[in-house]
Every structure is written in C-alpha cells, then in structure tokens.
Amino acid sequence: MKIVGKIESLWRYPVKSMRGDELQEAFVGFPGVYGDRVHAFRSSAAPKGFPYLTGREQESLLLYRPRFRHPERAMKPVNLAEAEALGSGLTPVYADLADFVVDVDTPAGERLAIDDPRLISMLREGIPESHELTLLRSVRAMTDCRPVSIISMQTVRQLSKEFGVAADERRFRANLYIHLESGKAFGEDEFVGRTLRIGARAQIAVEKRDSRCKMITLDPDTVQANPEVMKRLARDHEGMAGIYGAVLTEGSVRPGDAIALLD
C-alpha cells in the first residue's frame, strides 16, 4: 500500500447541473456521494439515454443553488455508526426521498421548493418550447458516468494555465479534489484500473478517465462561455481531465484524509 495523495476538498451537487456544496465530511456509498445529484430535471427534448436538462442547454442552471431542507438527515445514513460497529461490509440504510428534499435559491434571490412549478418555468426561460421539464428524484446519484468523480488540483492548475483562466476547481464539478504526492498534473490518470483507499474505510475502483463537455467552458459565477477551453482540452489532452470510480467499500471521508494505492 502506497500513499499517493490526500483529499483537498469534497463536493456534492444536490441537483444535477446546479451549484454544488463544499463539505467537511461525506459518506461515499455504492450509489455515490450521499446526497449527490439526487434531483434532476428530465427534458422531453433530450435523448432517451441521457434525458436530463443540463448546463449544456440551459447555462443559467449553474447560478441556482439548492439547499437540503433537512441538512442533518442528508449527510449520511441514520444508522451508519451502528452498522459500522457491527462489522465490516454491512450496508447501512439509505435515506428516504423525503430526507433529500431541497429548496432552491434562484439567481434573483428567491427561494423555491424543488417541485414549485415557478421553478420549472424559470428553468425553461430562453430555451426552445420543445423542452418540457419534469422533476426526477432518486437516492442513487444521477451522474454522467461512474458514481464518484475525482480530479487533482495539479491538473486543475495546469489546465487553468493552459486555458488562460483563473484556477477555479468548480469548473470541473468533481466530488473529490485531491492533492497528489507526485505533484504531477494528470497524475491521477495512472490510477485507472487500480483501487484507491480513501480515509479509514472507503475503497474506490478507478475505471476510466473523465471525458469532458461544454460544462468546463462555463464560468461558475457568470456562466460566460469560453469555447476555447474545450478546444484546447480536445487538442492537447484528448478531451479528458480527471477520473471516474466505482465504490467497492463504503465509508466516510474528510478533507485531509490520506489516499492510498492498494494494487
């Protein structure tokens, strides 16, 4: 076992394509980070295989901030301590959908329930009429690929230099931002096909590099698009930045936790 880095920061995104929250602790379960992307809006105009409205179609989604109505119930399974005390490998009880209810702060400063029809009206503004929206809810993270996304701060800083933009990790919408002991940008690519232990318990099998899209071209504060960002990434890095992983062993993780390579 070799220590290869540590967690720099933890993030989750309660509503797909809306703003994320930085966390001081997160439970990493088989479905993903607890409370991550548990809400999304289905668009009638989207492909059946990827039926969501995202910042690709409605850039202003990134300016909406969701907040869990019951934050203490949305942090981790209610019986987590008891399950872990009974022995390794027990799966705790996941939250009911009622525990994951969110309210959303709009760019104008109004707070609306996630299922308020006025919110859907706002989200449809400026996009074609063919986009009929309905709310989706799930206890499983509705991610684009594997449940957990990871990127190193070395990669973030290197790409920021190449793109000529401020080093703002929020562009990459990862769950785990990590510091690599190697200090190498794109050093996380070396973990593909291998298993990481993060903190005392969680284990993640790294399955593939992260194929990027328009989302990284959007400024997180203004949603101003810079298409050159994606062009340069495609030209110089095969359109990839960061890695995706599947959870093998569940556990809680915190900023500063060590990351070890198990194989």
Protein backbone atom coordinates (compact mmCIF):
# COMPACT_ATOMS: atom_id res chain seq x y z
CA MET A 1 0.00 0.00 0.00
CA LYS A 2 1.39 3.36 -1.05
CA ILE A 3 0.17 6.83 -0.04
CA VAL A 4 -0.35 8.78 -3.26
CA GLY A 5 -2.16 11.89 -2.05
CA LYS A 6 -4.79 13.41 0.19
CA ILE A 7 -8.22 14.96 -0.15
CA GLU A 8 -8.08 18.69 -0.79
CA SER A 9 -11.84 19.27 -0.77
CA LEU A 10 -15.17 17.42 -1.02
CA TRP A 11 -18.19 18.46 -3.07
CA ARG A 12 -21.68 17.28 -3.87
CA TYR A 13 -24.34 18.65 -6.22
CA PRO A 14 -27.87 18.03 -4.90
CA VAL A 15 -29.47 18.97 -8.24
CA LYS A 16 -27.83 17.96 -11.49
CA SER A 17 -26.12 20.97 -13.16
CA MET A 18 -26.90 23.37 -10.30
CA ARG A 19 -24.32 24.75 -7.87
CA GLY A 20 -22.50 22.43 -5.53
CA ASP A 21 -21.75 22.45 -1.81
CA GLU A 22 -18.32 22.06 -0.28
CA LEU A 23 -18.43 19.53 2.57
CA GLN A 24 -16.36 18.87 5.67
CA GLU A 25 -17.42 15.22 5.64
CA ALA A 26 -19.09 12.97 3.09
CA PHE A 27 -20.36 9.41 3.11
CA VAL A 28 -19.21 7.63 -0.04
CA GLY A 29 -21.66 4.81 -0.74
CA PHE A 30 -22.27 2.37 -3.55
CA PRO A 31 -24.69 4.83 -5.28
CA GLY A 32 -22.16 7.68 -4.96
CA VAL A 33 -21.58 10.55 -2.55
CA TYR A 34 -24.56 10.73 -0.20
CA GLY A 35 -26.99 13.36 -1.48
CA ASP A 36 -25.13 13.92 -4.74
CA ARG A 37 -27.25 14.59 -7.84
CA VAL A 38 -30.36 13.08 -6.26
CA HIS A 39 -32.56 15.54 -8.18
CA ALA A 40 -32.58 16.32 -11.88
CA PHE A 41 -34.95 17.74 -14.45
CA ARG A 42 -35.99 15.47 -17.29
CA SER A 43 -36.31 17.19 -20.65
CA SER A 44 -38.66 15.88 -23.33
CA ALA A 45 -36.19 17.13 -25.96
CA ALA A 46 -33.19 15.23 -24.54
CA PRO A 47 -32.03 11.81 -25.79
CA LYS A 48 -33.67 8.84 -24.06
CA GLY A 49 -30.31 7.58 -22.89
CA PHE A 50 -29.49 10.92 -21.26
CA PRO A 51 -32.86 12.54 -20.54
CA TYR A 52 -31.71 15.47 -18.40
CA LEU A 53 -31.73 19.22 -18.78
CA THR A 54 -28.17 20.36 -18.01
CA GLY A 55 -25.98 23.42 -18.29
CA ARG A 56 -25.24 22.42 -21.85
CA GLU A 57 -28.72 23.55 -22.85
CA GLN A 58 -29.53 26.00 -20.03
CA GLU A 59 -26.33 27.66 -18.86
CA SER A 60 -28.08 29.60 -16.07
CA LEU A 61 -28.68 26.32 -14.19
CA LEU A 62 -25.23 26.84 -12.66
CA LEU A 63 -26.48 30.01 -10.94
CA TYR A 64 -29.20 28.19 -8.97
CA ARG A 65 -28.20 26.97 -5.52
CA PRO A 66 -30.04 24.02 -3.95
CA ARG A 67 -30.17 23.59 -0.17
CA PHE A 68 -31.30 20.48 1.65
CA ARG A 69 -34.34 21.23 3.78
CA HIS A 70 -33.14 18.72 6.39
CA PRO A 71 -29.33 19.00 6.14
CA GLU A 72 -28.61 16.73 9.09
CA ARG A 73 -30.60 13.89 7.50
CA ALA A 74 -28.94 14.40 4.12
CA MET A 75 -25.35 13.98 5.35
CA LYS A 76 -25.12 10.22 5.97
CA PRO A 77 -27.26 7.15 6.73
CA VAL A 78 -29.03 7.47 10.06
CA ASN A 79 -27.78 4.06 11.23
CA LEU A 80 -24.23 4.40 9.91
CA ALA A 81 -22.45 4.24 13.27
CA GLU A 82 -24.43 1.19 14.35
CA ALA A 83 -23.85 -0.61 11.02
CA GLU A 84 -20.10 0.02 11.08
CA ALA A 85 -19.87 -1.14 14.71
CA LEU A 86 -21.43 -4.50 13.85
CA GLY A 87 -18.74 -5.44 11.36
CA SER A 88 -17.08 -4.65 8.07
CA GLY A 89 -19.19 -4.71 4.95
CA LEU A 90 -22.67 -4.06 6.33
CA THR A 91 -24.69 -1.74 4.12
CA PRO A 92 -26.45 1.00 6.12
CA VAL A 93 -29.97 2.16 5.40
CA TYR A 94 -30.08 4.87 2.75
CA ALA A 95 -32.26 7.93 3.13
CA ASP A 96 -35.89 8.18 2.12
CA LEU A 97 -36.55 10.65 -0.67
CA ALA A 98 -38.20 12.87 1.94
CA ASP A 99 -34.80 13.27 3.62
CA PHE A 100 -33.36 14.63 0.38
CA VAL A 101 -35.94 17.36 -0.27
CA VAL A 102 -34.30 20.59 -1.39
CA ASP A 103 -35.23 24.21 -1.78
CA VAL A 104 -33.52 26.24 -4.48
CA ASP A 105 -32.16 29.78 -4.26
CA THR A 106 -32.70 31.44 -7.64
CA PRO A 107 -30.28 33.94 -9.21
CA ALA A 108 -32.77 36.66 -8.28
CA GLY A 109 -32.60 35.71 -4.60
CA GLU A 110 -35.94 33.93 -4.26
CA ARG A 111 -36.12 30.56 -2.52
CA LEU A 112 -38.45 27.99 -4.09
CA ALA A 113 -39.24 24.36 -3.37
CA ILE A 114 -37.68 21.99 -5.89
CA ASP A 115 -41.16 20.98 -7.11
CA ASP A 116 -42.55 24.51 -7.36
CA PRO A 117 -43.98 25.00 -10.90
CA ARG A 118 -42.50 28.50 -10.94
CA LEU A 119 -39.02 26.99 -10.75
CA ILE A 120 -39.66 24.89 -13.83
CA SER A 121 -40.91 27.99 -15.63
CA MET A 122 -37.69 29.82 -14.76
CA LEU A 123 -35.55 26.93 -15.95
CA ARG A 124 -37.33 26.88 -19.31
CA GLU A 125 -36.73 30.57 -20.00
CA GLY A 126 -34.75 31.14 -23.17
CA ILE A 127 -34.71 27.54 -24.38
CA PRO A 128 -36.94 26.03 -27.09
CA GLU A 129 -40.58 25.28 -26.31
CA SER A 130 -39.92 21.62 -27.05
CA HIS A 131 -38.18 21.27 -23.68
CA GLU A 132 -40.99 20.10 -21.39
CA LEU A 133 -39.49 19.58 -17.95
CA THR A 134 -40.39 17.16 -15.16
CA LEU A 135 -38.66 16.61 -11.84
CA LEU A 136 -36.77 13.36 -11.24
CA ARG A 137 -35.76 12.17 -7.77
CA SER A 138 -33.54 9.26 -6.78
CA VAL A 139 -31.48 8.01 -3.85
CA ARG A 140 -28.89 6.99 -6.46
CA ALA A 141 -26.65 9.73 -7.84
CA MET A 142 -27.72 10.59 -11.39
CA THR A 143 -24.18 11.03 -12.63
CA ASP A 144 -22.94 11.08 -16.20
CA CYS A 145 -20.76 8.03 -15.70
CA ARG A 146 -19.47 6.26 -12.55
CA PRO A 147 -20.69 7.37 -9.10
CA VAL A 148 -17.56 9.23 -7.93
CA SER A 149 -15.55 11.78 -9.90
CA ILE A 150 -12.02 12.78 -8.90
CA ILE A 151 -9.54 15.34 -10.19
CA SER A 152 -6.22 16.54 -8.82
CA MET A 153 -5.52 20.16 -8.01
CA GLN A 154 -2.33 19.80 -10.02
CA THR A 155 -4.45 19.07 -13.09
CA VAL A 156 -6.79 21.96 -12.31
CA ARG A 157 -3.89 24.41 -12.03
CA GLN A 158 -2.15 23.13 -15.14
CA LEU A 159 -5.30 23.42 -17.23
CA SER A 160 -6.02 26.87 -15.85
CA LYS A 161 -2.61 27.99 -17.11
CA GLU A 162 -3.19 26.40 -20.48
CA PHE A 163 -6.68 27.88 -20.81
CA GLY A 164 -5.64 31.31 -19.54
CA VAL A 165 -8.41 31.37 -16.92
CA ALA A 166 -8.42 31.65 -13.12
CA ALA A 167 -7.67 28.41 -11.28
CA ASP A 168 -11.23 27.67 -10.15
CA GLU A 169 -11.84 23.98 -9.50
CA ARG A 170 -15.63 24.48 -9.62
CA ARG A 171 -15.46 24.34 -13.42
CA PHE A 172 -14.78 20.61 -13.18
CA ARG A 173 -17.68 19.69 -10.85
CA ALA A 174 -15.84 16.79 -9.24
CA ASN A 175 -16.73 15.09 -5.97
CA LEU A 176 -13.16 14.77 -4.73
CA TYR A 177 -10.41 17.28 -5.41
CA ILE A 178 -7.12 15.75 -4.40
CA HIS A 179 -3.50 16.74 -3.86
CA LEU A 180 -1.05 14.29 -5.41
CA GLU A 181 2.19 13.42 -3.65
CA SER A 182 3.86 13.21 -7.08
CA GLY A 183 2.99 16.83 -7.85
CA LYS A 184 2.24 15.79 -11.44
CA ALA A 185 -0.62 17.26 -13.43
CA PHE A 186 -2.76 14.41 -14.82
CA GLY A 187 -1.01 12.08 -12.35
CA GLU A 188 -4.44 10.69 -11.41
CA ASP A 189 -4.62 9.05 -14.85
CA GLU A 190 -2.13 6.48 -13.54
CA PHE A 191 -4.79 5.16 -11.15
CA VAL A 192 -7.09 3.87 -13.92
CA GLY A 193 -7.58 0.14 -13.49
CA ARG A 194 -6.40 0.27 -9.88
CA THR A 195 -8.02 0.62 -6.43
CA LEU A 196 -7.72 3.53 -4.01
CA ARG A 197 -8.41 3.51 -0.31
CA ILE A 198 -9.56 6.90 0.88
CA GLY A 199 -9.63 7.61 4.60
CA ALA A 200 -10.04 4.72 7.02
CA ARG A 201 -12.55 2.63 5.10
CA ALA A 202 -13.72 3.75 1.65
CA GLN A 203 -12.32 1.93 -1.39
CA ILE A 204 -12.82 3.10 -4.96
CA ALA A 205 -12.01 1.21 -8.15
CA VAL A 206 -10.85 3.74 -10.74
CA GLU A 207 -12.40 2.75 -14.04
CA LYS A 208 -11.79 5.43 -16.63
CA ARG A 209 -10.64 8.94 -17.43
CA ASP A 210 -13.26 11.67 -17.44
CA SER A 211 -14.44 12.76 -20.90
CA ARG A 212 -15.27 16.46 -20.67
CA CYS A 213 -18.00 18.55 -22.26
CA LYS A 214 -19.23 22.14 -22.53
CA MET A 215 -19.67 22.42 -18.74
CA ILE A 216 -15.98 23.19 -18.18
CA THR A 217 -16.19 26.13 -20.59
CA LEU A 218 -18.66 27.95 -18.30
CA ASP A 219 -17.50 30.42 -15.66
CA PRO A 220 -19.08 29.18 -12.39
CA ASP A 221 -20.05 32.69 -11.28
CA THR A 222 -21.16 34.30 -14.54
CA VAL A 223 -21.85 31.27 -16.81
CA GLN A 224 -19.98 33.12 -19.54
CA ALA A 225 -18.82 30.50 -22.02
CA ASN A 226 -15.28 30.22 -23.33
CA PRO A 227 -15.36 27.64 -26.18
CA GLU A 228 -11.58 27.81 -26.48
CA VAL A 229 -11.34 25.85 -23.21
CA MET A 230 -12.90 22.75 -24.74
CA LYS A 231 -10.99 23.14 -27.99
CA ARG A 232 -7.66 23.21 -26.17
CA LEU A 233 -8.56 20.26 -23.97
CA ALA A 234 -9.56 18.21 -27.03
CA ARG A 235 -6.40 19.18 -28.88
CA ASP A 236 -3.89 18.71 -26.06
CA HIS A 237 -5.46 16.13 -23.72
CA GLU A 238 -7.86 14.04 -25.80
CA GLY A 239 -10.77 15.89 -24.19
CA MET A 240 -10.04 14.20 -20.83
CA ALA A 241 -9.45 15.61 -17.34
CA GLY A 242 -9.91 13.71 -14.09
CA ILE A 243 -11.07 10.15 -13.40
CA TYR A 244 -14.22 8.20 -12.56
CA GLY A 245 -14.52 5.47 -9.97
CA ALA A 246 -16.95 2.90 -8.59
CA VAL A 247 -17.27 2.34 -4.85
CA LEU A 248 -16.13 -1.08 -3.62
CA THR A 249 -16.27 -0.38 0.12
CA GLU A 250 -18.42 2.35 1.63
CA GLY A 251 -17.10 4.83 4.17
CA SER A 252 -16.91 8.40 5.37
CA VAL A 253 -14.18 10.70 4.07
CA ARG A 254 -12.95 14.15 5.08
CA PRO A 255 -10.58 16.83 3.75
CA GLY A 256 -7.02 15.88 4.66
CA ASP A 257 -7.70 12.13 4.53
CA ALA A 258 -4.90 10.10 3.01
CA ILE A 259 -5.34 8.37 -0.35
CA ALA A 260 -3.55 5.05 -0.71
CA LEU A 261 -2.99 2.91 -3.78
CA LEU A 262 -3.92 -0.68 -2.88
CA ASP A 263 -2.77 -2.52 -6.02
